[in-house]
């Protein structure tokens, strides 16, 4: 199965579902080396998505703090 998706327009829930679908598809690959590489890439993708979410949260907190400080001046 070939997946096409646009990460910019996808919600976190849809991303998780697509990753789960990809993970299931990886198990059907016969070549152990290819399957290992795919799993590694999928793990990296999950990490990058998670880190991106964390950074978005941090940026929002910093924006909120800036706005709070501007209001105090």
Protein backbone atom coordinates (compact mmCIF):
# COMPACT_ATOMS: atom_id res chain seq x y z
CA UNK A 1 0.00 0.00 0.00
CA UNK A 2 1.27 3.49 -0.84
CA UNK A 3 0.40 6.36 1.48
CA UNK A 4 0.11 9.96 0.39
CA UNK A 5 -0.50 12.64 2.94
CA UNK A 6 0.19 16.24 3.64
CA UNK A 7 1.55 16.64 7.17
CA UNK A 8 0.75 20.35 7.17
CA UNK A 9 -2.98 19.80 6.85
CA UNK A 10 -3.20 16.75 9.05
CA UNK A 11 -4.31 16.66 12.66
CA UNK A 12 -2.25 14.90 15.30
CA UNK A 13 -4.87 12.12 15.46
CA UNK A 14 -4.68 11.52 11.71
CA UNK A 15 -0.88 11.50 11.85
CA UNK A 16 -0.95 8.87 14.61
CA UNK A 17 -3.37 6.74 12.59
CA UNK A 18 -1.20 6.98 9.48
CA UNK A 19 1.89 6.04 11.48
CA UNK A 20 0.04 3.05 12.91
CA UNK A 21 -1.06 2.05 9.40
CA UNK A 22 2.51 2.39 8.12
CA UNK A 23 3.78 0.34 11.03
CA UNK A 24 1.37 -2.47 10.14
CA UNK A 25 2.45 -2.30 6.50
CA UNK A 26 6.11 -2.52 7.46
CA UNK A 27 5.47 -5.91 9.05
CA UNK A 28 4.43 -7.27 5.66
CA UNK A 29 7.83 -6.48 4.10
CA UNK A 30 9.79 -9.67 3.47
CA UNK A 31 13.32 -8.24 3.44
CA UNK A 32 14.61 -7.98 7.03
CA UNK A 33 17.08 -5.21 6.24
CA UNK A 34 14.46 -3.09 4.47
CA UNK A 35 11.98 -3.69 7.30
CA UNK A 36 14.62 -2.63 9.84
CA UNK A 37 15.36 0.57 7.92
CA UNK A 38 11.66 1.35 7.61
CA UNK A 39 11.13 0.84 11.34
CA UNK A 40 14.05 3.14 12.11
CA UNK A 41 12.70 5.82 9.80
CA UNK A 42 9.23 5.49 11.31
CA UNK A 43 10.70 5.87 14.80
CA UNK A 44 12.57 8.97 13.67
CA UNK A 45 9.35 10.36 12.20
CA UNK A 46 7.52 9.76 15.47
CA UNK A 47 10.31 11.51 17.37
CA UNK A 48 10.30 14.52 15.03
CA UNK A 49 6.52 14.86 15.30
CA UNK A 50 6.71 14.63 19.09
CA UNK A 51 9.53 17.17 19.28
CA UNK A 52 7.61 19.50 16.96
CA UNK A 53 4.58 19.29 19.24
CA UNK A 54 6.74 20.03 22.27
CA UNK A 55 8.31 23.05 20.58
CA UNK A 56 4.91 24.36 19.50
CA UNK A 57 3.75 24.17 23.11
CA UNK A 58 6.89 25.91 24.34
CA UNK A 59 6.53 28.66 21.72
CA UNK A 60 2.94 29.26 22.75
CA UNK A 61 3.95 29.52 26.42
CA UNK A 62 6.67 32.00 25.51
CA UNK A 63 4.22 34.07 23.42
CA UNK A 64 1.79 34.07 26.34
CA UNK A 65 4.55 35.19 28.71
CA UNK A 66 5.61 37.99 26.33
CA UNK A 67 2.02 39.19 26.09
CA UNK A 68 1.66 39.02 29.87
CA UNK A 69 4.84 41.07 30.33
CA UNK A 70 3.77 43.62 27.73
CA UNK A 71 0.55 44.05 29.64
CA UNK A 72 2.48 44.79 32.85
CA UNK A 73 4.61 47.57 31.31
